[in-house]
Protein backbone atom coordinates (compact mmCIF):
# COMPACT_ATOMS: atom_id res chain seq x y z
CA UNK A 1 -50.60 -54.38 -39.39
CA UNK A 2 -51.35 -56.35 -36.17
CA UNK A 3 -55.38 -55.92 -35.00
CA UNK A 4 -56.03 -56.79 -31.32
CA UNK A 5 -58.78 -59.12 -30.97
CA UNK A 6 -59.32 -58.73 -26.80
CA UNK A 7 -62.58 -62.09 -27.65
CA UNK A 8 -60.27 -64.20 -30.18
CA UNK A 9 -61.96 -67.46 -29.24
CA UNK A 10 -65.41 -65.74 -28.80
CA UNK A 11 -65.71 -66.59 -25.28
CA UNK A 12 -64.51 -63.96 -23.39
CA UNK A 13 -64.34 -66.82 -20.38
CA UNK A 14 -62.16 -68.59 -22.69
CA UNK A 15 -60.11 -65.51 -23.70
CA UNK A 16 -59.73 -64.49 -20.87
CA UNK A 17 -58.89 -67.94 -19.59
CA UNK A 18 -56.00 -68.28 -21.66
CA UNK A 19 -54.60 -64.85 -21.61
CA UNK A 20 -54.28 -65.81 -17.37
CA UNK A 21 -51.55 -68.64 -18.93
CA UNK A 22 -48.39 -66.81 -18.51
CA UNK A 23 -49.60 -64.72 -15.16
CA UNK A 24 -50.17 -68.59 -13.93
CA UNK A 25 -47.04 -70.37 -15.42
CA UNK A 26 -45.42 -67.38 -13.21
CA UNK A 27 -46.63 -67.66 -10.44
CA UNK A 28 -46.99 -71.62 -10.20
CA UNK A 29 -43.79 -72.32 -11.02
CA UNK A 30 -41.99 -69.50 -8.59
CA UNK A 31 -44.55 -69.60 -5.82
CA UNK A 32 -45.23 -73.40 -6.30
CA UNK A 33 -42.34 -75.24 -7.56
CA UNK A 34 -40.03 -72.75 -6.04
CA UNK A 35 -38.50 -72.35 -9.55
CA UNK A 36 -35.48 -69.82 -9.61
CA UNK A 37 -36.81 -66.54 -10.51
CA UNK A 38 -35.17 -65.98 -13.57
CA UNK A 39 -35.81 -69.75 -15.50
CA UNK A 40 -40.28 -68.59 -14.05
CA UNK A 41 -39.64 -65.26 -15.52
CA UNK A 42 -38.35 -67.01 -19.26
CA UNK A 43 -40.82 -70.29 -19.16
CA UNK A 44 -44.12 -67.01 -18.25
CA UNK A 45 -42.41 -65.37 -21.47
CA UNK A 46 -42.15 -68.31 -23.51
CA UNK A 47 -46.14 -69.11 -22.44
CA UNK A 48 -46.42 -65.47 -23.14
CA UNK A 49 -45.42 -65.58 -26.83
CA UNK A 50 -47.41 -68.84 -27.33
CA UNK A 51 -50.41 -67.41 -26.66
CA UNK A 52 -50.01 -64.13 -28.15
CA UNK A 53 -48.81 -65.95 -32.22
CA UNK A 54 -50.97 -69.26 -31.47
CA UNK A 55 -54.80 -67.92 -29.89
CA UNK A 56 -54.30 -63.74 -30.76
CA UNK A 57 -52.82 -64.28 -33.73
CA UNK A 58 -50.06 -61.63 -33.35
CA UNK A 59 -47.54 -62.44 -35.79
CA UNK A 60 -44.40 -64.30 -34.42
CA UNK A 61 -42.31 -60.76 -35.33
CA UNK A 62 -44.50 -58.51 -33.98
CA UNK A 63 -44.55 -60.69 -30.66
CA UNK A 64 -40.40 -61.36 -30.05
CA UNK A 65 -39.85 -56.92 -31.06
CA UNK A 66 -43.07 -56.61 -28.40
CA UNK A 67 -41.10 -58.64 -25.75
CA UNK A 68 -37.61 -56.29 -26.55
CA UNK A 69 -39.70 -53.39 -26.63
CA UNK A 70 -40.08 -54.09 -23.03
CA UNK A 71 -37.04 -55.15 -22.06
CA UNK A 72 -35.27 -51.89 -23.72
CA UNK A 73 -38.05 -49.71 -21.30
CA UNK A 74 -36.48 -51.80 -18.48
CA UNK A 75 -33.68 -50.71 -18.66
CA UNK A 76 -34.15 -47.04 -18.32
CA UNK A 77 -36.76 -47.29 -15.86
CA UNK A 78 -35.69 -50.16 -13.05
CA UNK A 79 -31.73 -51.45 -13.86
CA UNK A 80 -30.51 -47.94 -14.73
CA UNK A 81 -32.31 -46.94 -11.31
CA UNK A 82 -31.84 -49.60 -9.36
CA UNK A 83 -28.34 -49.65 -9.63
CA UNK A 84 -27.22 -46.34 -8.87
CA UNK A 85 -29.58 -46.14 -5.94
CA UNK A 86 -28.02 -49.40 -4.85
CA UNK A 87 -24.42 -47.56 -5.90
CA UNK A 88 -25.03 -44.57 -3.13
CA UNK A 89 -25.54 -46.92 -0.72
CA UNK A 90 -22.35 -49.21 -1.26
CA UNK A 91 -20.85 -46.09 -1.25
CA UNK A 92 -21.80 -45.30 1.65
CA UNK A 93 -20.69 -48.27 2.82
CA UNK A 94 -17.11 -48.54 1.68
CA UNK A 95 -16.20 -45.36 2.82
CA UNK A 96 -17.48 -46.75 6.16
CA UNK A 97 -19.92 -44.05 6.62
CA UNK A 98 -23.32 -46.49 7.10
CA UNK A 99 -21.72 -47.45 10.15
CA UNK A 100 -22.56 -43.94 11.45
CA UNK A 101 -25.87 -43.83 9.71
CA UNK A 102 -26.85 -46.77 11.48
CA UNK A 103 -25.70 -45.87 14.82
CA UNK A 104 -27.81 -42.45 14.78
CA UNK A 105 -30.69 -44.54 13.64
CA UNK A 106 -30.17 -47.21 16.27
CA UNK A 107 -30.51 -43.98 18.66
CA UNK A 108 -33.82 -43.81 17.75
CA UNK A 109 -34.36 -46.57 19.97
CA UNK A 110 -33.00 -49.27 21.43
CA UNK A 111 -35.35 -51.66 20.40
CA UNK A 112 -34.78 -53.37 16.96
CA UNK A 113 -38.64 -53.78 15.66
CA UNK A 114 -39.20 -50.18 16.71
CA UNK A 115 -35.41 -49.65 13.92
CA UNK A 116 -37.42 -51.86 11.85
CA UNK A 117 -40.29 -49.45 11.66
CA UNK A 118 -38.11 -46.00 11.21
CA UNK A 119 -36.30 -47.56 8.63
CA UNK A 120 -38.59 -50.00 6.64
CA UNK A 121 -41.38 -47.95 6.81
CA UNK A 122 -41.05 -44.14 7.35
CA UNK A 123 -37.42 -43.67 6.00
CA UNK A 124 -38.74 -46.14 2.81
CA UNK A 125 -41.41 -44.14 2.07
CA UNK A 126 -39.32 -41.18 1.57
CA UNK A 127 -37.35 -43.07 -0.53
CA UNK A 128 -40.25 -44.01 -2.69
CA UNK A 129 -41.43 -40.72 -2.75
CA UNK A 130 -38.64 -39.39 -4.58
CA UNK A 131 -37.07 -42.31 -6.38
CA UNK A 132 -39.57 -45.55 -6.30
CA UNK A 133 -38.64 -47.68 -8.66
CA UNK A 134 -36.92 -50.49 -5.99
CA UNK A 135 -34.66 -48.36 -4.51
CA UNK A 136 -36.76 -48.12 -1.19
CA UNK A 137 -36.67 -52.56 -1.36
CA UNK A 138 -33.00 -52.26 -1.82
CA UNK A 139 -31.87 -49.71 0.35
CA UNK A 140 -33.82 -50.47 3.23
CA UNK A 141 -32.94 -54.10 2.81
CA UNK A 142 -29.47 -54.30 3.37
CA UNK A 143 -30.09 -51.06 6.56
CA UNK A 144 -32.25 -53.97 8.17
CA UNK A 145 -29.32 -56.47 7.49
CA UNK A 146 -27.02 -54.23 9.66
CA UNK A 147 -29.69 -54.06 12.15
CA UNK A 148 -28.83 -58.02 13.02
CA UNK A 149 -31.63 -59.40 10.81
CA UNK A 150 -31.32 -62.31 8.59
CA UNK A 151 -31.37 -61.88 4.81
CA UNK A 152 -34.93 -63.21 3.87
CA UNK A 153 -36.56 -61.37 6.78
CA UNK A 154 -34.65 -57.82 6.31
CA UNK A 155 -36.21 -58.50 2.86
CA UNK A 156 -39.59 -59.33 3.59
CA UNK A 157 -40.00 -56.63 5.86
CA UNK A 158 -38.79 -53.78 3.36
CA UNK A 159 -41.11 -55.87 0.23
CA UNK A 160 -44.65 -55.06 3.04
CA UNK A 161 -42.84 -52.27 3.88
CA UNK A 162 -43.20 -50.35 0.76
CA UNK A 163 -47.49 -51.28 -0.07
CA UNK A 164 -48.02 -47.77 1.79
CA UNK A 165 -46.49 -45.19 0.13
CA UNK A 166 -46.74 -46.92 -3.43
CA UNK A 167 -49.28 -44.96 -4.89
CA UNK A 168 -47.87 -41.80 -4.47
CA UNK A 169 -44.41 -42.60 -5.24
CA UNK A 170 -42.30 -40.97 -7.20
CA UNK A 171 -44.02 -37.37 -6.62
CA UNK A 172 -47.15 -38.55 -7.31
CA UNK A 173 -46.48 -40.42 -10.58
CA UNK A 174 -48.90 -43.06 -10.22
CA UNK A 175 -51.70 -40.60 -9.94
CA UNK A 176 -50.48 -38.19 -12.30
CA UNK A 177 -50.69 -41.12 -14.99
CA UNK A 178 -54.10 -41.92 -14.05
CA UNK A 179 -55.31 -38.81 -14.82
CA UNK A 180 -53.35 -38.65 -17.74
CA UNK A 181 -54.94 -41.72 -19.39
CA UNK A 182 -59.01 -41.08 -18.36
CA UNK A 183 -58.53 -37.11 -18.96
CA UNK A 184 -59.85 -36.88 -15.35
CA UNK A 185 -58.40 -34.39 -12.81
CA UNK A 186 -55.79 -35.91 -10.98
CA UNK A 187 -55.79 -34.31 -8.08
CA UNK A 188 -59.69 -35.96 -7.68
CA UNK A 189 -57.57 -39.74 -7.86
CA UNK A 190 -55.25 -38.79 -5.25
CA UNK A 191 -58.21 -37.55 -3.40
CA UNK A 192 -59.61 -41.05 -3.36
CA UNK A 193 -56.82 -42.72 -3.00
CA UNK A 194 -55.98 -41.08 -0.12
CA UNK A 195 -59.29 -42.19 1.32
CA UNK A 196 -58.09 -46.07 0.53
CA UNK A 197 -54.48 -46.57 1.18
CA UNK A 198 -54.02 -44.49 4.12
CA UNK A 199 -56.81 -46.85 5.96
CA UNK A 200 -54.19 -49.75 5.30
CA UNK A 201 -51.20 -47.72 6.07
CA UNK A 202 -52.92 -47.54 9.80
CA UNK A 203 -51.79 -51.84 9.41
CA UNK A 204 -48.41 -51.99 8.32
CA UNK A 205 -46.58 -51.04 11.05
CA UNK A 206 -48.25 -53.75 12.90
CA UNK A 207 -47.24 -56.19 10.29
CA UNK A 208 -43.88 -55.01 10.10
CA UNK A 209 -43.51 -55.46 13.84
CA UNK A 210 -45.11 -58.76 13.69
CA UNK A 211 -42.40 -60.06 11.61
CA UNK A 212 -40.17 -58.57 13.10
CA UNK A 213 -40.64 -60.63 16.82
CA UNK A 214 -43.89 -62.27 15.87
CA UNK A 215 -46.77 -62.15 19.10
CA UNK A 216 -44.15 -61.36 21.53
CA UNK A 217 -43.18 -58.00 18.94
CA UNK A 218 -47.14 -56.81 18.64
CA UNK A 219 -47.88 -57.26 22.61
CA UNK A 220 -44.80 -55.36 23.37
CA UNK A 221 -43.92 -52.80 20.67
CA UNK A 222 -47.61 -51.95 19.81
CA UNK A 223 -47.88 -48.11 20.63
CA UNK A 224 -45.10 -46.98 18.41
CA UNK A 225 -47.27 -49.23 15.85
CA UNK A 226 -50.36 -47.18 16.51
CA UNK A 227 -48.23 -43.68 16.21
CA UNK A 228 -46.53 -44.52 13.60
CA UNK A 229 -49.87 -46.10 11.41
CA UNK A 230 -51.75 -43.17 11.97
CA UNK A 231 -49.67 -40.23 11.79
CA UNK A 232 -48.52 -41.71 8.46
CA UNK A 233 -52.02 -42.75 7.50
CA UNK A 234 -53.46 -38.91 8.87
CA UNK A 235 -50.76 -37.06 7.25
CA UNK A 236 -51.16 -39.51 3.41
CA UNK A 237 -55.23 -38.60 3.86
CA UNK A 238 -54.65 -34.88 5.12
CA UNK A 239 -51.71 -33.63 2.31
CA UNK A 240 -53.88 -36.18 -0.78
CA UNK A 241 -56.93 -34.56 0.48
CA UNK A 242 -56.03 -31.29 1.22
CA UNK A 243 -52.73 -30.33 -0.05
CA UNK A 244 -50.46 -32.16 -3.03
CA UNK A 245 -51.18 -35.60 -3.44
CA UNK A 246 -47.30 -35.58 -4.86
CA UNK A 247 -45.97 -34.50 -1.75
CA UNK A 248 -48.47 -36.71 0.23
CA UNK A 249 -45.25 -39.47 0.57
CA UNK A 250 -42.78 -37.08 1.67
CA UNK A 251 -44.32 -35.63 4.56
CA UNK A 252 -46.33 -38.49 6.10
CA UNK A 253 -42.78 -39.92 6.26
CA UNK A 254 -41.12 -37.07 7.96
CA UNK A 255 -44.20 -36.70 10.50
CA UNK A 256 -44.31 -40.36 10.97
CA UNK A 257 -39.76 -41.02 11.84
CA UNK A 258 -40.55 -37.64 14.11
CA UNK A 259 -43.17 -39.07 16.06
CA UNK A 260 -41.37 -42.28 16.89
CA UNK A 261 -38.19 -40.13 17.70
CA UNK A 262 -40.87 -37.84 19.83
CA UNK A 263 -42.49 -41.06 21.23
CA UNK A 264 -38.81 -42.95 22.45
CA UNK A 265 -38.21 -39.25 24.12
CA UNK A 266 -41.26 -40.47 27.15
CA UNK A 267 -41.19 -44.56 26.23
CA UNK A 268 -40.12 -47.40 26.07
CA UNK A 269 -40.58 -51.21 25.48
CA UNK A 270 -40.56 -53.16 28.66
CA UNK A 271 -38.72 -55.64 27.59
CA UNK A 272 -35.94 -54.74 24.62
CA UNK A 273 -35.59 -57.03 21.28
CA UNK A 274 -32.31 -59.54 21.07
CA UNK A 275 -30.96 -58.80 17.42
CA UNK A 276 -30.80 -62.06 16.00
CA UNK A 277 -27.21 -61.87 14.72
CA UNK A 278 -23.67 -60.29 16.10
CA UNK A 279 -23.67 -56.85 15.67
CA UNK A 280 -22.61 -54.49 13.12
CA UNK A 281 -22.46 -57.49 10.92
CA UNK A 282 -22.26 -56.22 7.33
CA UNK A 283 -24.85 -56.28 4.48
CA UNK A 284 -23.55 -59.46 2.58
CA UNK A 285 -23.23 -56.64 -0.94
CA UNK A 286 -21.17 -54.46 1.23
CA UNK A 287 -18.20 -56.80 1.50
CA UNK A 288 -19.14 -59.91 2.69
CA UNK A 289 -19.96 -62.37 5.34
CA UNK A 290 -17.94 -61.48 8.36
CA UNK A 291 -17.76 -58.00 9.82
CA UNK A 292 -15.21 -55.30 8.80
CA UNK A 293 -14.02 -53.66 11.73
CA UNK A 294 -11.11 -51.62 10.01
CA UNK A 295 -13.70 -50.59 7.49
CA UNK A 296 -15.97 -49.18 10.48
CA UNK A 297 -13.42 -47.53 12.03
CA UNK A 298 -12.50 -45.12 9.15
CA UNK A 299 -15.17 -42.29 10.45
CA UNK A 300 -17.01 -41.95 14.08
CA UNK A 301 -16.64 -43.73 16.99
CA UNK A 302 -18.18 -47.46 17.15
CA UNK A 303 -16.23 -48.88 20.19
CA UNK A 304 -18.78 -46.79 22.35
CA UNK A 305 -18.39 -42.96 21.99
CA UNK A 306 -20.68 -40.98 20.53
CA UNK A 307 -20.64 -40.01 17.04
CA UNK A 308 -19.35 -36.01 16.06
CA UNK A 309 -22.02 -33.79 14.46
CA UNK A 310 -19.42 -33.32 11.56
CA UNK A 311 -20.09 -37.57 10.92
CA UNK A 312 -23.86 -38.05 11.26
CA UNK A 313 -24.06 -34.68 8.63
CA UNK A 314 -21.79 -37.01 6.85
CA UNK A 315 -23.28 -40.34 6.94
CA UNK A 316 -26.63 -38.36 6.25
CA UNK A 317 -25.44 -36.59 3.34
CA UNK A 318 -26.57 -38.86 0.48
CA UNK A 319 -29.85 -38.54 1.12
CA UNK A 320 -29.50 -35.55 1.48
CA UNK A 321 -28.70 -35.05 -1.50
CA UNK A 322 -30.61 -37.31 -2.89
CA UNK A 323 -34.26 -35.29 -1.45
CA UNK A 324 -32.42 -31.99 -2.34
CA UNK A 325 -31.95 -33.18 -6.41
CA UNK A 326 -35.31 -34.58 -6.82
CA UNK A 327 -36.77 -31.65 -5.37
CA UNK A 328 -34.84 -29.09 -7.40
CA UNK A 329 -36.25 -31.46 -10.59
CA UNK A 330 -39.06 -30.10 -9.65
CA UNK A 331 -39.07 -26.58 -10.72
CA UNK A 332 -41.41 -26.04 -13.84
CA UNK A 333 -38.13 -24.46 -15.23
CA UNK A 334 -35.65 -26.62 -13.99
CA UNK A 335 -38.42 -29.60 -15.31
CA UNK A 336 -38.43 -28.17 -18.38
CA UNK A 337 -34.68 -27.66 -19.14
CA UNK A 338 -34.21 -31.53 -18.32
CA UNK A 339 -36.80 -33.02 -20.19
CA UNK A 340 -36.06 -30.64 -23.22
CA UNK A 341 -32.98 -33.38 -24.61
CA UNK A 342 -35.57 -36.37 -24.08
CA UNK A 343 -35.94 -38.79 -27.28
CA UNK A 344 -39.50 -39.72 -28.62
CA UNK A 345 -39.18 -42.44 -31.12
CA UNK A 346 -41.62 -45.40 -32.55
CA UNK A 347 -40.12 -48.69 -31.66
CA UNK A 348 -39.61 -49.99 -35.09
CA UNK A 349 -40.80 -52.95 -36.67
CA UNK A 350 -44.77 -52.84 -33.90
CA UNK A 351 -47.44 -51.66 -36.05
CA UNK A 352 -50.56 -52.10 -34.25
CA UNK A 353 -54.11 -51.41 -34.32
CA UNK A 354 -56.64 -51.81 -31.31
CA UNK A 355 -59.55 -53.18 -32.39
CA UNK A 356 -61.61 -50.17 -32.97
CA UNK A 357 -58.72 -49.86 -35.59
CA UNK A 358 -56.86 -47.01 -34.30
CA UNK A 359 -52.85 -46.82 -33.57
CA UNK A 360 -51.55 -48.07 -30.50
CA UNK A 361 -49.02 -46.34 -28.54
CA UNK A 362 -45.26 -48.12 -29.34
CA UNK A 363 -43.10 -44.82 -28.35
CA UNK A 364 -39.79 -45.44 -26.69
CA UNK A 365 -39.26 -42.48 -24.55
CA UNK A 366 -35.99 -42.25 -23.86
CA UNK A 367 -35.36 -39.53 -21.39
CA UNK A 368 -32.08 -39.45 -20.37
CA UNK A 369 -31.51 -36.18 -18.60
CA UNK A 370 -34.76 -36.34 -16.36
CA UNK A 371 -34.69 -40.38 -15.60
CA UNK A 372 -34.96 -41.14 -11.79
CA UNK A 373 -31.42 -43.29 -12.62
CA UNK A 374 -30.14 -40.03 -14.39
CA UNK A 375 -30.96 -37.91 -11.00
CA UNK A 376 -29.53 -40.86 -8.68
CA UNK A 377 -26.33 -41.12 -10.51
CA UNK A 378 -25.39 -37.25 -10.51
CA UNK A 379 -26.39 -37.91 -6.98
CA UNK A 380 -23.91 -40.73 -6.42
CA UNK A 381 -21.49 -38.65 -7.98
CA UNK A 382 -22.07 -36.11 -5.57
CA UNK A 383 -22.03 -38.46 -2.87
CA UNK A 384 -18.74 -39.65 -3.96
CA UNK A 385 -17.38 -35.80 -3.57
CA UNK A 386 -18.65 -34.65 -0.50
CA UNK A 387 -17.43 -38.68 1.00
CA UNK A 388 -13.74 -37.87 -0.75
CA UNK A 389 -14.10 -40.97 -2.13
CA UNK A 390 -11.66 -41.45 -5.30
CA UNK A 391 -12.54 -41.69 -8.95
CA UNK A 392 -11.46 -44.80 -9.33
CA UNK A 393 -12.33 -46.76 -6.18
CA UNK A 394 -16.23 -45.05 -6.87
CA UNK A 395 -16.03 -46.76 -10.04
CA UNK A 396 -14.61 -50.05 -8.26
CA UNK A 397 -17.71 -49.61 -6.32
CA UNK A 398 -19.74 -49.49 -8.87
CA UNK A 399 -18.51 -52.51 -11.15
CA UNK A 400 -19.28 -54.25 -7.71
CA UNK A 401 -23.07 -53.23 -7.81
CA UNK A 402 -23.78 -54.25 -11.14
CA UNK A 403 -21.94 -58.10 -10.67
CA UNK A 404 -24.00 -58.72 -7.44
CA UNK A 405 -26.92 -58.40 -9.36
CA UNK A 406 -26.28 -60.76 -11.58
CA UNK A 407 -29.13 -63.26 -12.81
CA UNK A 408 -31.63 -60.27 -11.14
CA UNK A 409 -30.68 -58.11 -14.49
CA UNK A 410 -32.29 -61.06 -16.73
CA UNK A 411 -35.17 -61.65 -14.96
CA UNK A 412 -35.88 -57.83 -14.65
CA UNK A 413 -35.35 -57.80 -18.50
CA UNK A 414 -37.60 -61.18 -19.19
CA UNK A 415 -40.35 -59.50 -16.86
CA UNK A 416 -40.44 -56.71 -18.55
CA UNK A 417 -40.74 -58.60 -22.22
CA UNK A 418 -43.56 -60.68 -20.93
CA UNK A 419 -45.54 -57.74 -19.79
CA UNK A 420 -45.44 -55.96 -23.13
CA UNK A 421 -45.77 -58.50 -25.09
CA UNK A 422 -49.27 -59.38 -22.48
CA UNK A 423 -50.25 -55.93 -22.89
CA UNK A 424 -49.93 -55.40 -26.73
CA UNK A 425 -50.86 -58.54 -27.98
CA UNK A 426 -54.60 -57.64 -25.78
CA UNK A 427 -54.26 -60.48 -23.25
CA UNK A 428 -53.99 -58.06 -20.52
CA UNK A 429 -57.61 -56.33 -21.77
CA UNK A 430 -59.16 -59.70 -21.96
CA UNK A 431 -57.92 -60.30 -18.80
CA UNK A 432 -59.59 -57.02 -17.73
CA UNK A 433 -63.07 -56.99 -19.91
CA UNK A 434 -63.90 -60.32 -18.65
CA UNK A 435 -63.32 -59.13 -15.00
CA UNK A 436 -65.70 -55.95 -16.10
CA UNK A 437 -68.28 -58.38 -16.84
CA UNK A 438 -68.86 -58.32 -13.23
CA UNK A 439 -71.66 -55.92 -12.97
CA UNK A 440 -72.03 -53.38 -9.96
CA UNK A 441 -69.91 -56.80 -8.09
CA UNK A 442 -66.96 -54.98 -10.22
CA UNK A 443 -66.32 -52.10 -7.30
CA UNK A 444 -64.96 -55.49 -5.24
CA UNK A 445 -63.04 -56.73 -8.45
CA UNK A 446 -61.62 -53.27 -9.18
CA UNK A 447 -58.55 -53.31 -6.41
CA UNK A 448 -57.65 -56.85 -8.24
CA UNK A 449 -57.36 -55.34 -11.67
CA UNK A 450 -55.06 -52.96 -10.77
CA UNK A 451 -53.22 -55.82 -8.85
CA UNK A 452 -52.88 -57.96 -11.31
CA UNK A 453 -51.70 -54.96 -13.32
CA UNK A 454 -48.60 -54.18 -11.34
CA UNK A 455 -48.07 -58.08 -11.25
CA UNK A 456 -47.07 -58.00 -14.88
CA UNK A 457 -45.35 -54.45 -14.96
CA UNK A 458 -43.87 -54.29 -11.35
CA UNK A 459 -45.09 -50.53 -11.90
CA UNK A 460 -48.70 -48.84 -10.01
CA UNK A 461 -47.73 -46.50 -12.85
CA UNK A 462 -47.75 -48.81 -15.62
CA UNK A 463 -50.73 -50.48 -14.03
CA UNK A 464 -52.39 -47.40 -13.95
CA UNK A 465 -51.01 -46.52 -17.95
CA UNK A 466 -52.78 -50.48 -18.42
CA UNK A 467 -55.99 -50.01 -17.06
CA UNK A 468 -57.24 -46.58 -15.72
CA UNK A 469 -59.37 -46.41 -19.01
CA UNK A 470 -60.72 -49.79 -18.30
CA UNK A 471 -61.54 -48.64 -14.82
CA UNK A 472 -63.24 -45.73 -15.58
CA UNK A 473 -65.38 -47.11 -18.97
CA UNK A 474 -66.25 -50.17 -16.63
CA UNK A 475 -68.21 -47.62 -14.24
CA UNK A 476 -69.48 -45.06 -16.57
CA UNK A 477 -71.23 -48.67 -18.03
CA UNK A 478 -72.28 -49.05 -14.46
CA UNK A 479 -73.38 -45.82 -13.48
CA UNK A 480 -70.69 -45.88 -10.76
CA UNK A 481 -68.02 -43.11 -9.96
CA UNK A 482 -65.14 -43.13 -12.24
CA UNK A 483 -63.08 -41.64 -9.84
CA UNK A 484 -63.94 -44.13 -7.24
CA UNK A 485 -62.62 -47.38 -9.75
CA UNK A 486 -60.14 -45.71 -10.77
CA UNK A 487 -58.40 -45.19 -7.73
CA UNK A 488 -59.35 -48.33 -6.44
CA UNK A 489 -56.78 -49.89 -9.48
CA UNK A 490 -54.05 -48.09 -8.51
CA UNK A 491 -54.62 -48.67 -4.63
CA UNK A 492 -55.09 -52.30 -5.25
CA UNK A 493 -51.92 -52.24 -7.69
CA UNK A 494 -50.27 -51.44 -4.04
CA UNK A 495 -50.67 -54.40 -3.14
CA UNK A 496 -48.99 -55.94 -5.40
CA UNK A 497 -45.49 -54.54 -5.44
CA UNK A 498 -44.22 -56.40 -2.87
CA UNK A 499 -44.67 -60.27 -5.19
CA UNK A 500 -43.82 -58.82 -8.65
CA UNK A 501 -40.98 -60.52 -9.61
CA UNK A 502 -38.72 -57.21 -10.45
CA UNK A 503 -39.28 -56.35 -6.76
CA UNK A 504 -38.48 -59.75 -5.70
CA UNK A 505 -35.91 -59.54 -7.73
CA UNK A 506 -34.63 -56.56 -6.68
CA UNK A 507 -34.53 -57.35 -2.71
CA UNK A 508 -32.91 -60.64 -3.09
CA UNK A 509 -29.95 -59.03 -4.84
CA UNK A 510 -29.98 -56.34 -2.58
CA UNK A 511 -28.94 -59.03 -0.49
CA UNK A 512 -26.75 -61.30 -1.63
CA UNK A 513 -29.62 -64.12 -2.19
CA UNK A 514 -29.88 -64.20 -5.75
CA UNK A 515 -32.28 -66.94 -6.80
CA UNK A 516 -34.34 -66.88 -3.84
CA UNK A 517 -37.22 -65.16 -4.90
CA UNK A 518 -39.72 -68.03 -4.56
CA UNK A 519 -38.79 -67.95 -1.35
CA UNK A 520 -39.05 -64.61 -0.87
CA UNK A 521 -42.63 -64.90 -2.62
CA UNK A 522 -43.97 -67.17 -0.47
CA UNK A 523 -42.97 -65.51 2.55
CA UNK A 524 -45.22 -62.13 1.32
CA UNK A 525 -47.76 -63.63 -0.80
CA UNK A 526 -50.44 -63.74 2.11
CA UNK A 527 -49.77 -60.47 3.23
CA UNK A 528 -50.53 -58.83 -0.41
CA UNK A 529 -53.51 -61.43 -0.67
CA UNK A 530 -54.34 -60.35 2.53
CA UNK A 531 -54.39 -56.32 2.12
CA UNK A 532 -55.50 -57.06 -1.16
CA UNK A 533 -58.94 -58.63 0.00
CA UNK A 534 -59.53 -55.67 2.80
CA UNK A 535 -58.67 -52.98 0.24
CA UNK A 536 -61.62 -54.57 -2.20
CA UNK A 537 -64.18 -54.97 0.98
CA UNK A 538 -63.39 -51.34 1.25
CA UNK A 539 -64.31 -50.23 -2.06
CA UNK A 540 -66.98 -52.12 -2.19
CA UNK A 541 -68.85 -50.45 0.55
CA UNK A 542 -67.61 -47.19 -0.27
CA UNK A 543 -69.46 -48.13 -3.65
CA UNK A 544 -72.60 -48.04 -1.51
CA UNK A 545 -75.17 -45.62 0.47
CA UNK A 546 -73.36 -47.19 3.81
CA UNK A 547 -69.61 -45.52 2.69
CA UNK A 548 -70.63 -43.68 -0.11
CA UNK A 549 -70.14 -40.09 1.50
CA UNK A 550 -66.58 -41.27 1.24
CA UNK A 551 -65.94 -40.84 -2.57
CA UNK A 552 -64.38 -37.88 -4.22
CA UNK A 553 -67.31 -35.98 -6.98
């Protein structure tokens, strides 16, 4: 048995510094030295294994096995999900229905900057609420390319937009996990997170408009950005506090989209934004660098005539199927039936105890029936039938979908292996305990802990599972609200979603630029840090009498 030691050097600061080496390696190689993500991820994994064995005393066999455990976990929770999400999108492109969908979104507004907000912010939030796992980043990126955005800008906008809904993504799964690991009411955490993320949601549409068209965009379309942010944030706050945190992203997405549709009826920007590329340029992932007029003419009337109602309904059908399936999957009877075939088993070779001697859970959950990826695969099969795609053609499109990811698959496997080595060896806990030593100032640092958790795990739910207990324990030690610190960690993790290497890998794969993760990282890192610092200030003020009235009790 390997017994974890969170302070193997006898100096918590030194132990934390050594534990941070894999993260520093990843950030420096990716953002500073511009290494490709697969090699930066592999190097960080190697450093984490070295630190686990040489510093934290983890046996070599168990350290390697922990990495294998993490890689295997990523197959179901990330790869299976993302493959199927992009497959659905590729089916719509292959049949020509995506061209109709694009024109339908364009009908909301003639302005590409407003279209970016509707697609990346509102529609992306709906996808995050239902599926998560990188699907909104992938799908929204290629939709933005089709509107005329260059690939890296499209991926940047999709990544930043994915910030707002993540805390409540997957029907509130991060908050549910936080309640489960702390033993405190998930509803209270949801309400508190809603009092934090909803304020930051006000800013995100402005950032998206700036990314799309700089200061000119802000001057010309700020009313649309303001309305989108206010309606989304207000809906997120209202549903997380007074209805159900599990539904707040769904309704926030729909309300903000509807608000922009209404606004477009009475107001338009004085100067329209000019697309950066030729109209109707397909996404790279959809079939190459050149436009394919034949594919676009399979359905609808792209040469000036209006698309028929039937064509428009069929174009939205795949996403309606996704909404319907995930909604049905939440019905208790159906949810129980889907959970019943789940297979649980202890990962072979791992025998780990925490410093108190209690076993550390190393259970692999093979929830093959209820997994998000499986529901998306079923949605893909139904989409195949609805769009009348031949099974052989659907299989070809699926194969092409997997091939387009290339090295991104290896990157994701490496980073999840890194996450589990750092977690099971005790490196993550060493970092968390060192930060917890800040006392009352930990209120400022609490979101940073969640931010680090998502950088490593790529998942807000994973970060909550990792650090939720630490947040609550620290709150008890310093006499603060455990609900405040727990929610702050989850909200802070949201700000790291855009720079987690899994998200970067999904984004670059979706736009056909695998290997450009470092460039994409540098484009979004500043926004991640800026939003994180704003949240840190907000949480600190919420821990004081100045904004203490905002805290859920």
